[in-house]
Amino acid sequence: MKKIALTLVLTASMFSCSSIQNMGSSSSIKQAATLLGSLSSNSTVQQVTSLFSLLDTNKDEAISSTEAIGSVAENFNVLDTDSNSSLNLTELTGLLALLK
């Protein structure tokens, strides 16, 4: 009986940790999508910096094509000026020029 209870507790703990991690990344993606939708030709570099932080889900200081969403994904190759298959903050700031 103790083994069954311990197994249930461990299983529940694993699922709750996984759910919390997934909720965090899902929340970041929702925030990034909202911010991306609000960008305009009047947007600031600070807003793009916030977008960069939200999109960089693995925190490697670059946005890969799998992390990109919306107009960032649609314009990934145009924004990737050094053709290294990732966007740094300077390259993402180029998004502002596309909005004009």
PDB file of N, CA and C in Angstrom:
ATOM      1  N   MET A   1       0.823  -1.191   0.000  1.00  0.00           N
ATOM      2  CA  MET A   1       0.000   0.000   0.000  1.00  0.00           C
ATOM      3  C   MET A   1       0.869   1.257   0.000  1.00  0.00           C
ATOM      4  N   LYS A   2       1.975   1.234   0.787  1.00  0.00           N
ATOM      5  CA  LYS A   2       2.863   2.390   0.836  1.00  0.00           C
ATOM      6  C   LYS A   2       3.510   2.632  -0.523  1.00  0.00           C
ATOM      7  N   LYS A   3       3.858   1.535  -1.224  1.00  0.00           N
ATOM      8  CA  LYS A   3       4.485   1.676  -2.537  1.00  0.00           C
ATOM      9  C   LYS A   3       3.521   2.321  -3.531  1.00  0.00           C
ATOM     10  N   ILE A   4       2.254   1.924  -3.468  1.00  0.00           N
ATOM     11  CA  ILE A   4       1.258   2.493  -4.376  1.00  0.00           C
ATOM     12  C   ILE A   4       1.074   3.979  -4.074  1.00  0.00           C
ATOM     13  N   ALA A   5       0.973   4.334  -2.799  1.00  0.00           N
ATOM     14  CA  ALA A   5       0.805   5.735  -2.416  1.00  0.00           C
ATOM     15  C   ALA A   5       2.015   6.557  -2.842  1.00  0.00           C
ATOM     16  N   LEU A   6       3.221   6.019  -2.633  1.00  0.00           N
ATOM     17  CA  LEU A   6       4.442   6.722  -3.027  1.00  0.00           C
ATOM     18  C   LEU A   6       4.512   6.908  -4.543  1.00  0.00           C
ATOM     19  N   THR A   7       4.116   5.879  -5.286  1.00  0.00           N
ATOM     20  CA  THR A   7       4.100   5.964  -6.739  1.00  0.00           C
ATOM     21  C   THR A   7       3.124   7.038  -7.205  1.00  0.00           C
ATOM     22  N   LEU A   8       1.947   7.090  -6.579  1.00  0.00           N
ATOM     23  CA  LEU A   8       0.967   8.103  -6.942  1.00  0.00           C
ATOM     24  C   LEU A   8       1.471   9.515  -6.636  1.00  0.00           C
ATOM     25  N   VAL A   9       2.121   9.679  -5.495  1.00  0.00           N
ATOM     26  CA  VAL A   9       2.661  10.988  -5.121  1.00  0.00           C
ATOM     27  C   VAL A   9       3.750  11.413  -6.097  1.00  0.00           C
ATOM     28  N   LEU A  10       4.657  10.505  -6.428  1.00  0.00           N
ATOM     29  CA  LEU A  10       5.733  10.826  -7.371  1.00  0.00           C
ATOM     30  C   LEU A  10       5.189  11.150  -8.758  1.00  0.00           C
ATOM     31  N   THR A  11       4.199  10.384  -9.202  1.00  0.00           N
ATOM     32  CA  THR A  11       3.593  10.633 -10.513  1.00  0.00           C
ATOM     33  C   THR A  11       2.915  11.996 -10.534  1.00  0.00           C
ATOM     34  N   ALA A  12       2.170  12.313  -9.498  1.00  0.00           N
ATOM     35  CA  ALA A  12       1.493  13.615  -9.421  1.00  0.00           C
ATOM     36  C   ALA A  12       2.507  14.745  -9.393  1.00  0.00           C
ATOM     37  N   SER A  13       3.609  14.561  -8.683  1.00  0.00           N
ATOM     38  CA  SER A  13       4.652  15.587  -8.626  1.00  0.00           C
ATOM     39  C   SER A  13       5.277  15.824  -9.990  1.00  0.00           C
ATOM     40  N   MET A  14       5.530  14.740 -10.715  1.00  0.00           N
ATOM     41  CA  MET A  14       6.133  14.873 -12.044  1.00  0.00           C
ATOM     42  C   MET A  14       5.197  15.616 -12.988  1.00  0.00           C
ATOM     43  N   PHE A  15       3.899  15.282 -12.943  1.00  0.00           N
ATOM     44  CA  PHE A  15       2.953  15.959 -13.823  1.00  0.00           C
ATOM     45  C   PHE A  15       2.794  17.421 -13.460  1.00  0.00           C
ATOM     46  N   SER A  16       2.789  17.738 -12.175  1.00  0.00           N
ATOM     47  CA  SER A  16       2.613  19.140 -11.788  1.00  0.00           C
ATOM     48  C   SER A  16       3.831  19.961 -12.180  1.00  0.00           C
ATOM     49  N   CYS A  17       5.027  19.427 -12.055  1.00  0.00           N
ATOM     50  CA  CYS A  17       6.232  20.156 -12.478  1.00  0.00           C
ATOM     51  C   CYS A  17       6.218  20.376 -13.979  1.00  0.00           C
ATOM     52  N   SER A  18       5.822  19.354 -14.713  1.00  0.00           N
ATOM     53  CA  SER A  18       5.752  19.467 -16.164  1.00  0.00           C
ATOM     54  C   SER A  18       4.709  20.501 -16.572  1.00  0.00           C
ATOM     55  N   SER A  19       3.585  20.513 -15.894  1.00  0.00           N
ATOM     56  CA  SER A  19       2.524  21.474 -16.207  1.00  0.00           C
ATOM     57  C   SER A  19       2.965  22.894 -15.938  1.00  0.00           C
ATOM     58  N   ILE A  20       3.684  23.110 -14.864  1.00  0.00           N
ATOM     59  CA  ILE A  20       4.171  24.442 -14.529  1.00  0.00           C
ATOM     60  C   ILE A  20       5.162  24.912 -15.584  1.00  0.00           C
ATOM     61  N   GLN A  21       6.061  24.045 -16.027  1.00  0.00           N
ATOM     62  CA  GLN A  21       7.021  24.423 -17.060  1.00  0.00           C
ATOM     63  C   GLN A  21       6.313  24.744 -18.362  1.00  0.00           C
ATOM     64  N   ASN A  22       5.336  23.906 -18.743  1.00  0.00           N
ATOM     65  CA  ASN A  22       4.608  24.152 -19.981  1.00  0.00           C
ATOM     66  C   ASN A  22       3.794  25.422 -19.898  1.00  0.00           C
ATOM     67  N   MET A  23       3.223  25.713 -18.742  1.00  0.00           N
ATOM     68  CA  MET A  23       2.441  26.910 -18.573  1.00  0.00           C
ATOM     69  C   MET A  23       3.327  28.143 -18.726  1.00  0.00           C
ATOM     70  N   GLY A  24       4.548  28.073 -18.218  1.00  0.00           N
ATOM     71  CA  GLY A  24       5.466  29.200 -18.332  1.00  0.00           C
ATOM     72  C   GLY A  24       5.815  29.489 -19.770  1.00  0.00           C
ATOM     73  N   SER A  25       6.136  28.473 -20.533  1.00  0.00           N
ATOM     74  CA  SER A  25       6.499  28.700 -21.921  1.00  0.00           C
ATOM     75  C   SER A  25       5.289  29.120 -22.727  1.00  0.00           C
ATOM     76  N   SER A  26       4.136  28.560 -22.440  1.00  0.00           N
ATOM     77  CA  SER A  26       2.915  28.946 -23.136  1.00  0.00           C
ATOM     78  C   SER A  26       2.570  30.393 -22.820  1.00  0.00           C
ATOM     79  N   SER A  27       2.760  30.781 -21.587  1.00  0.00           N
ATOM     80  CA  SER A  27       2.496  32.161 -21.182  1.00  0.00           C
ATOM     81  C   SER A  27       3.440  33.116 -21.901  1.00  0.00           C
ATOM     82  N   SER A  28       4.698  32.757 -22.025  1.00  0.00           N
ATOM     83  CA  SER A  28       5.669  33.590 -22.736  1.00  0.00           C
ATOM     84  C   SER A  28       5.295  33.746 -24.195  1.00  0.00           C
ATOM     85  N   ILE A  29       4.840  32.669 -24.802  1.00  0.00           N
ATOM     86  CA  ILE A  29       4.454  32.718 -26.207  1.00  0.00           C
ATOM     87  C   ILE A  29       3.233  33.614 -26.381  1.00  0.00           C
ATOM     88  N   LYS A  30       2.276  33.509 -25.454  1.00  0.00           N
ATOM     89  CA  LYS A  30       1.090  34.375 -25.522  1.00  0.00           C
ATOM     90  C   LYS A  30       1.487  35.834 -25.349  1.00  0.00           C
ATOM     91  N   GLN A  31       2.378  36.111 -24.406  1.00  0.00           N
ATOM     92  CA  GLN A  31       2.839  37.483 -24.207  1.00  0.00           C
ATOM     93  C   GLN A  31       3.580  37.989 -25.435  1.00  0.00           C
ATOM     94  N   ALA A  32       4.409  37.148 -26.030  1.00  0.00           N
ATOM     95  CA  ALA A  32       5.155  37.533 -27.231  1.00  0.00           C
ATOM     96  C   ALA A  32       4.194  37.811 -28.382  1.00  0.00           C
ATOM     97  N   ALA A  33       3.180  36.974 -28.536  1.00  0.00           N
ATOM     98  CA  ALA A  33       2.201  37.167 -29.613  1.00  0.00           C
ATOM     99  C   ALA A  33       1.441  38.474 -29.423  1.00  0.00           C
ATOM    100  N   THR A  34       1.073  38.778 -28.182  1.00  0.00           N
ATOM    101  CA  THR A  34       0.379  40.029 -27.892  1.00  0.00           C
ATOM    102  C   THR A  34       1.269  41.220 -28.203  1.00  0.00           C
ATOM    103  N   LEU A  35       2.509  41.164 -27.740  1.00  0.00           N
ATOM    104  CA  LEU A  35       3.450  42.260 -27.990  1.00  0.00           C
ATOM    105  C   LEU A  35       3.721  42.403 -29.478  1.00  0.00           C
ATOM    106  N   LEU A  36       3.898  41.299 -30.164  1.00  0.00           N
ATOM    107  CA  LEU A  36       4.159  41.329 -31.599  1.00  0.00           C
ATOM    108  C   LEU A  36       2.980  41.951 -32.348  1.00  0.00           C
ATOM    109  N   GLY A  37       1.779  41.621 -31.918  1.00  0.00           N
ATOM    110  CA  GLY A  37       0.588  42.179 -32.542  1.00  0.00           C
ATOM    111  C   GLY A  37       0.432  43.668 -32.320  1.00  0.00           C
ATOM    112  N   SER A  38       1.035  44.163 -31.253  1.00  0.00           N
ATOM    113  CA  SER A  38       0.902  45.593 -30.942  1.00  0.00           C
ATOM    114  C   SER A  38       2.025  46.439 -31.543  1.00  0.00           C
ATOM    115  N   LEU A  39       3.041  45.797 -32.127  1.00  0.00           N
ATOM    116  CA  LEU A  39       4.136  46.561 -32.717  1.00  0.00           C
ATOM    117  C   LEU A  39       3.648  47.344 -33.925  1.00  0.00           C
ATOM    118  N   SER A  40       4.167  48.535 -34.069  1.00  0.00           N
ATOM    119  CA  SER A  40       3.833  49.374 -35.216  1.00  0.00           C
ATOM    120  C   SER A  40       5.069  50.167 -35.615  1.00  0.00           C
ATOM    121  N   SER A  41       4.915  51.038 -36.582  1.00  0.00           N
ATOM    122  CA  SER A  41       6.048  51.851 -37.010  1.00  0.00           C
ATOM    123  C   SER A  41       6.502  52.804 -35.902  1.00  0.00           C
ATOM    124  N   ASN A  42       5.669  53.003 -34.896  1.00  0.00           N
ATOM    125  CA  ASN A  42       6.029  53.869 -33.773  1.00  0.00           C
ATOM    126  C   ASN A  42       6.636  53.095 -32.597  1.00  0.00           C
ATOM    127  N   SER A  43       6.827  51.811 -32.759  1.00  0.00           N
ATOM    128  CA  SER A  43       7.359  50.985 -31.671  1.00  0.00           C
ATOM    129  C   SER A  43       8.809  51.338 -31.382  1.00  0.00           C
ATOM    130  N   THR A  44       9.229  50.998 -30.180  1.00  0.00           N
ATOM    131  CA  THR A  44      10.575  51.354 -29.728  1.00  0.00           C
ATOM    132  C   THR A  44      11.479  50.132 -29.678  1.00  0.00           C
ATOM    133  N   VAL A  45      12.760  50.400 -29.599  1.00  0.00           N
ATOM    134  CA  VAL A  45      13.746  49.329 -29.446  1.00  0.00           C
ATOM    135  C   VAL A  45      13.493  48.591 -28.136  1.00  0.00           C
ATOM    136  N   GLN A  46      13.025  49.293 -27.120  1.00  0.00           N
ATOM    137  CA  GLN A  46      12.731  48.656 -25.838  1.00  0.00           C
ATOM    138  C   GLN A  46      11.635  47.594 -26.007  1.00  0.00           C
ATOM    139  N   GLN A  47      10.624  47.874 -26.832  1.00  0.00           N
ATOM    140  CA  GLN A  47       9.575  46.883 -27.072  1.00  0.00           C
ATOM    141  C   GLN A  47      10.133  45.672 -27.824  1.00  0.00           C
ATOM    142  N   VAL A  48      11.016  45.904 -28.761  1.00  0.00           N
ATOM    143  CA  VAL A  48      11.643  44.807 -29.500  1.00  0.00           C
ATOM    144  C   VAL A  48      12.532  43.993 -28.557  1.00  0.00           C
ATOM    145  N   THR A  49      13.205  44.660 -27.632  1.00  0.00           N
ATOM    146  CA  THR A  49      14.036  43.964 -26.644  1.00  0.00           C
ATOM    147  C   THR A  49      13.164  43.060 -25.771  1.00  0.00           C
ATOM    148  N   SER A  50      12.006  43.550 -25.378  1.00  0.00           N
ATOM    149  CA  SER A  50      11.076  42.725 -24.592  1.00  0.00           C
ATOM    150  C   SER A  50      10.608  41.534 -25.411  1.00  0.00           C
ATOM    151  N   LEU A  51      10.297  41.766 -26.683  1.00  0.00           N
ATOM    152  CA  LEU A  51       9.883  40.685 -27.570  1.00  0.00           C
ATOM    153  C   LEU A  51      10.994  39.647 -27.701  1.00  0.00           C
ATOM    154  N   PHE A  52      12.227  40.121 -27.855  1.00  0.00           N
ATOM    155  CA  PHE A  52      13.373  39.219 -27.964  1.00  0.00           C
ATOM    156  C   PHE A  52      13.449  38.312 -26.734  1.00  0.00           C
ATOM    157  N   SER A  53      13.317  38.894 -25.553  1.00  0.00           N
ATOM    158  CA  SER A  53      13.391  38.110 -24.312  1.00  0.00           C
ATOM    159  C   SER A  53      12.289  37.066 -24.245  1.00  0.00           C
ATOM    160  N   LEU A  54      11.105  37.420 -24.696  1.00  0.00           N
ATOM    161  CA  LEU A  54       9.990  36.472 -24.659  1.00  0.00           C
ATOM    162  C   LEU A  54      10.156  35.349 -25.687  1.00  0.00           C
ATOM    163  N   LEU A  55      10.681  35.684 -26.857  1.00  0.00           N
ATOM    164  CA  LEU A  55      10.854  34.665 -27.894  1.00  0.00           C
ATOM    165  C   LEU A  55      12.046  33.750 -27.633  1.00  0.00           C
ATOM    166  N   ASP A  56      13.052  34.250 -26.966  1.00  0.00           N
ATOM    167  CA  ASP A  56      14.259  33.462 -26.692  1.00  0.00           C
ATOM    168  C   ASP A  56      13.979  32.504 -25.530  1.00  0.00           C
ATOM    169  N   THR A  57      13.177  31.491 -25.806  1.00  0.00           N
ATOM    170  CA  THR A  57      12.708  30.594 -24.748  1.00  0.00           C
ATOM    171  C   THR A  57      13.812  29.758 -24.114  1.00  0.00           C
ATOM    172  N   ASN A  58      14.870  29.466 -24.850  1.00  0.00           N
ATOM    173  CA  ASN A  58      15.954  28.681 -24.262  1.00  0.00           C
ATOM    174  C   ASN A  58      17.083  29.562 -23.704  1.00  0.00           C
ATOM    175  N   LYS A  59      16.892  30.865 -23.769  1.00  0.00           N
ATOM    176  CA  LYS A  59      17.803  31.858 -23.184  1.00  0.00           C
ATOM    177  C   LYS A  59      19.249  31.717 -23.663  1.00  0.00           C
ATOM    178  N   ASP A  60      19.405  31.482 -24.980  1.00  0.00           N
ATOM    179  CA  ASP A  60      20.751  31.377 -25.542  1.00  0.00           C
ATOM    180  C   ASP A  60      21.172  32.657 -26.278  1.00  0.00           C
ATOM    181  N   GLU A  61      20.426  33.737 -26.048  1.00  0.00           N
ATOM    182  CA  GLU A  61      20.723  35.046 -26.648  1.00  0.00           C
ATOM    183  C   GLU A  61      20.564  35.040 -28.166  1.00  0.00           C
ATOM    184  N   ALA A  62      19.726  34.143 -28.681  1.00  0.00           N
ATOM    185  CA  ALA A  62      19.433  34.088 -30.109  1.00  0.00           C
ATOM    186  C   ALA A  62      18.038  33.505 -30.294  1.00  0.00           C
ATOM    187  N   ILE A  63      17.392  33.902 -31.355  1.00  0.00           N
ATOM    188  CA  ILE A  63      16.079  33.358 -31.677  1.00  0.00           C
ATOM    189  C   ILE A  63      16.239  32.445 -32.878  1.00  0.00           C
ATOM    190  N   SER A  64      15.928  31.190 -32.684  1.00  0.00           N
ATOM    191  CA  SER A  64      15.998  30.229 -33.782  1.00  0.00           C
ATOM    192  C   SER A  64      14.686  30.280 -34.553  1.00  0.00           C
ATOM    193  N   SER A  65      14.653  29.632 -35.699  1.00  0.00           N
ATOM    194  CA  SER A  65      13.420  29.617 -36.486  1.00  0.00           C
ATOM    195  C   SER A  65      12.293  28.904 -35.746  1.00  0.00           C
ATOM    196  N   THR A  66      12.628  27.988 -34.852  1.00  0.00           N
ATOM    197  CA  THR A  66      11.593  27.293 -34.082  1.00  0.00           C
ATOM    198  C   THR A  66      11.046  28.154 -32.950  1.00  0.00           C
ATOM    199  N   GLU A  67      11.795  29.158 -32.524  1.00  0.00           N
ATOM    200  CA  GLU A  67      11.316  30.071 -31.484  1.00  0.00           C
ATOM    201  C   GLU A  67      10.527  31.244 -32.070  1.00  0.00           C
ATOM    202  N   ALA A  68      10.723  31.518 -33.348  1.00  0.00           N
ATOM    203  CA  ALA A  68      10.074  32.655 -34.002  1.00  0.00           C
ATOM    204  C   ALA A  68       8.592  32.383 -34.215  1.00  0.00           C
ATOM    205  N   ILE A  69       7.788  33.443 -34.088  1.00  0.00           N
ATOM    206  CA  ILE A  69       6.349  33.352 -34.334  1.00  0.00           C
ATOM    207  C   ILE A  69       5.918  34.546 -35.177  1.00  0.00           C
ATOM    208  N   GLY A  70       4.735  34.449 -35.755  1.00  0.00           N
ATOM    209  CA  GLY A  70       4.124  35.568 -36.451  1.00  0.00           C
ATOM    210  C   GLY A  70       5.011  36.180 -37.523  1.00  0.00           C
ATOM    211  N   SER A  71       5.045  37.512 -37.537  1.00  0.00           N
ATOM    212  CA  SER A  71       5.811  38.216 -38.572  1.00  0.00           C
ATOM    213  C   SER A  71       7.309  37.991 -38.433  1.00  0.00           C
ATOM    214  N   VAL A  72       7.768  37.612 -37.243  1.00  0.00           N
ATOM    215  CA  VAL A  72       9.190  37.283 -37.082  1.00  0.00           C
ATOM    216  C   VAL A  72       9.487  36.005 -37.860  1.00  0.00           C
ATOM    217  N   ALA A  73       8.616  35.017 -37.734  1.00  0.00           N
ATOM    218  CA  ALA A  73       8.800  33.766 -38.476  1.00  0.00           C
ATOM    219  C   ALA A  73       8.649  33.991 -39.978  1.00  0.00           C
ATOM    220  N   GLU A  74       7.637  34.799 -40.351  1.00  0.00           N
ATOM    221  CA  GLU A  74       7.384  35.059 -41.765  1.00  0.00           C
ATOM    222  C   GLU A  74       8.549  35.780 -42.441  1.00  0.00           C
ATOM    223  N   ASN A  75       9.255  36.615 -41.697  1.00  0.00           N
ATOM    224  CA  ASN A  75      10.354  37.415 -42.243  1.00  0.00           C
ATOM    225  C   ASN A  75      11.719  36.953 -41.743  1.00  0.00           C
ATOM    226  N   PHE A  76      11.784  35.732 -41.232  1.00  0.00           N
ATOM    227  CA  PHE A  76      12.998  35.248 -40.592  1.00  0.00           C
ATOM    228  C   PHE A  76      14.222  35.395 -41.496  1.00  0.00           C
ATOM    229  N   ASN A  77      14.106  34.943 -42.735  1.00  0.00           N
ATOM    230  CA  ASN A  77      15.264  34.982 -43.645  1.00  0.00           C
ATOM    231  C   ASN A  77      15.689  36.403 -43.990  1.00  0.00           C
ATOM    232  N   VAL A  78      14.734  37.312 -44.037  1.00  0.00           N
ATOM    233  CA  VAL A  78      15.058  38.717 -44.305  1.00  0.00           C
ATOM    234  C   VAL A  78      15.768  39.332 -43.100  1.00  0.00           C
ATOM    235  N   LEU A  79      15.284  39.007 -41.908  1.00  0.00           N
ATOM    236  CA  LEU A  79      15.872  39.555 -40.676  1.00  0.00           C
ATOM    237  C   LEU A  79      17.238  38.954 -40.375  1.00  0.00           C
ATOM    238  N   ASP A  80      17.454  37.717 -40.779  1.00  0.00           N
ATOM    239  CA  ASP A  80      18.717  37.008 -40.506  1.00  0.00           C
ATOM    240  C   ASP A  80      19.800  37.496 -41.471  1.00  0.00           C
ATOM    241  N   THR A  81      20.291  38.695 -41.230  1.00  0.00           N
ATOM    242  CA  THR A  81      21.215  39.345 -42.165  1.00  0.00           C
ATOM    243  C   THR A  81      22.569  38.657 -42.272  1.00  0.00           C
ATOM    244  N   ASP A  82      22.979  37.934 -41.232  1.00  0.00           N
ATOM    245  CA  ASP A  82      24.263  37.239 -41.316  1.00  0.00           C
ATOM    246  C   ASP A  82      24.108  35.765 -41.715  1.00  0.00           C
ATOM    247  N   SER A  83      22.889  35.366 -42.032  1.00  0.00           N
ATOM    248  CA  SER A  83      22.573  34.010 -42.528  1.00  0.00           C
ATOM    249  C   SER A  83      23.112  32.889 -41.645  1.00  0.00           C
ATOM    250  N   ASN A  84      23.012  33.071 -40.320  1.00  0.00           N
ATOM    251  CA  ASN A  84      23.478  32.022 -39.413  1.00  0.00           C
ATOM    252  C   ASN A  84      22.323  31.219 -38.804  1.00  0.00           C
ATOM    253  N   SER A  85      21.148  31.363 -39.375  1.00  0.00           N
ATOM    254  CA  SER A  85      19.949  30.623 -38.945  1.00  0.00           C
ATOM    255  C   SER A  85      19.470  30.976 -37.548  1.00  0.00           C
ATOM    256  N   SER A  86      19.839  32.153 -37.072  1.00  0.00           N
ATOM    257  CA  SER A  86      19.315  32.646 -35.796  1.00  0.00           C
ATOM    258  C   SER A  86      19.323  34.169 -35.840  1.00  0.00           C
ATOM    259  N   LEU A  87      18.487  34.744 -34.990  1.00  0.00           N
ATOM    260  CA  LEU A  87      18.407  36.200 -34.918  1.00  0.00           C
ATOM    261  C   LEU A  87      18.971  36.689 -33.602  1.00  0.00           C
ATOM    262  N   ASN A  88      19.856  37.671 -33.675  1.00  0.00           N
ATOM    263  CA  ASN A  88      20.297  38.331 -32.451  1.00  0.00           C
ATOM    264  C   ASN A  88      19.423  39.578 -32.265  1.00  0.00           C
ATOM    265  N   LEU A  89      19.640  40.296 -31.192  1.00  0.00           N
ATOM    266  CA  LEU A  89      18.797  41.454 -30.899  1.00  0.00           C
ATOM    267  C   LEU A  89      18.888  42.515 -31.987  1.00  0.00           C
ATOM    268  N   THR A  90      20.073  42.752 -32.502  1.00  0.00           N
ATOM    269  CA  THR A  90      20.251  43.753 -33.561  1.00  0.00           C
ATOM    270  C   THR A  90      19.444  43.373 -34.804  1.00  0.00           C
ATOM    271  N   GLU A  91      19.485  42.100 -35.165  1.00  0.00           N
ATOM    272  CA  GLU A  91      18.734  41.650 -36.336  1.00  0.00           C
ATOM    273  C   GLU A  91      17.231  41.759 -36.104  1.00  0.00           C
ATOM    274  N   LEU A  92      16.774  41.414 -34.896  1.00  0.00           N
ATOM    275  CA  LEU A  92      15.349  41.502 -34.604  1.00  0.00           C
ATOM    276  C   LEU A  92      14.874  42.954 -34.641  1.00  0.00           C
ATOM    277  N   THR A  93      15.746  43.881 -34.275  1.00  0.00           N
ATOM    278  CA  THR A  93      15.388  45.295 -34.326  1.00  0.00           C
ATOM    279  C   THR A  93      15.071  45.712 -35.765  1.00  0.00           C
ATOM    280  N   GLY A  94      15.584  44.990 -36.746  1.00  0.00           N
ATOM    281  CA  GLY A  94      15.261  45.232 -38.149  1.00  0.00           C
ATOM    282  C   GLY A  94      13.782  45.068 -38.448  1.00  0.00           C
ATOM    283  N   LEU A  95      13.068  44.402 -37.547  1.00  0.00           N
ATOM    284  CA  LEU A  95      11.624  44.237 -37.690  1.00  0.00           C
ATOM    285  C   LEU A  95      10.929  45.594 -37.718  1.00  0.00           C
ATOM    286  N   LEU A  96      11.477  46.561 -36.993  1.00  0.00           N
ATOM    287  CA  LEU A  96      10.878  47.896 -36.956  1.00  0.00           C
ATOM    288  C   LEU A  96      10.865  48.525 -38.347  1.00  0.00           C
ATOM    289  N   ALA A  97      11.919  48.311 -39.108  1.00  0.00           N
ATOM    290  CA  ALA A  97      11.976  48.862 -40.463  1.00  0.00           C
ATOM    291  C   ALA A  97      10.929  48.213 -41.370  1.00  0.00           C
ATOM    292  N   LEU A  98      10.644  46.934 -41.132  1.00  0.00           N
ATOM    293  CA  LEU A  98       9.642  46.253 -41.943  1.00  0.00           C
ATOM    294  C   LEU A  98       8.233  46.744 -41.646  1.00  0.00           C
ATOM    295  N   LEU A  99       8.033  47.312 -40.465  1.00  0.00           N
ATOM    296  CA  LEU A  99       6.712  47.789 -40.059  1.00  0.00           C
ATOM    297  C   LEU A  99       6.364  49.146 -40.657  1.00  0.00           C
ATOM    298  N   LYS A 100       7.341  49.832 -41.233  1.00  0.00           N
ATOM    299  CA  LYS A 100       7.100  51.172 -41.783  1.00  0.00           C
ATOM    300  C   LYS A 100       6.507  51.119 -43.153  1.00  0.00           C
TER     301      LYS A 100
END
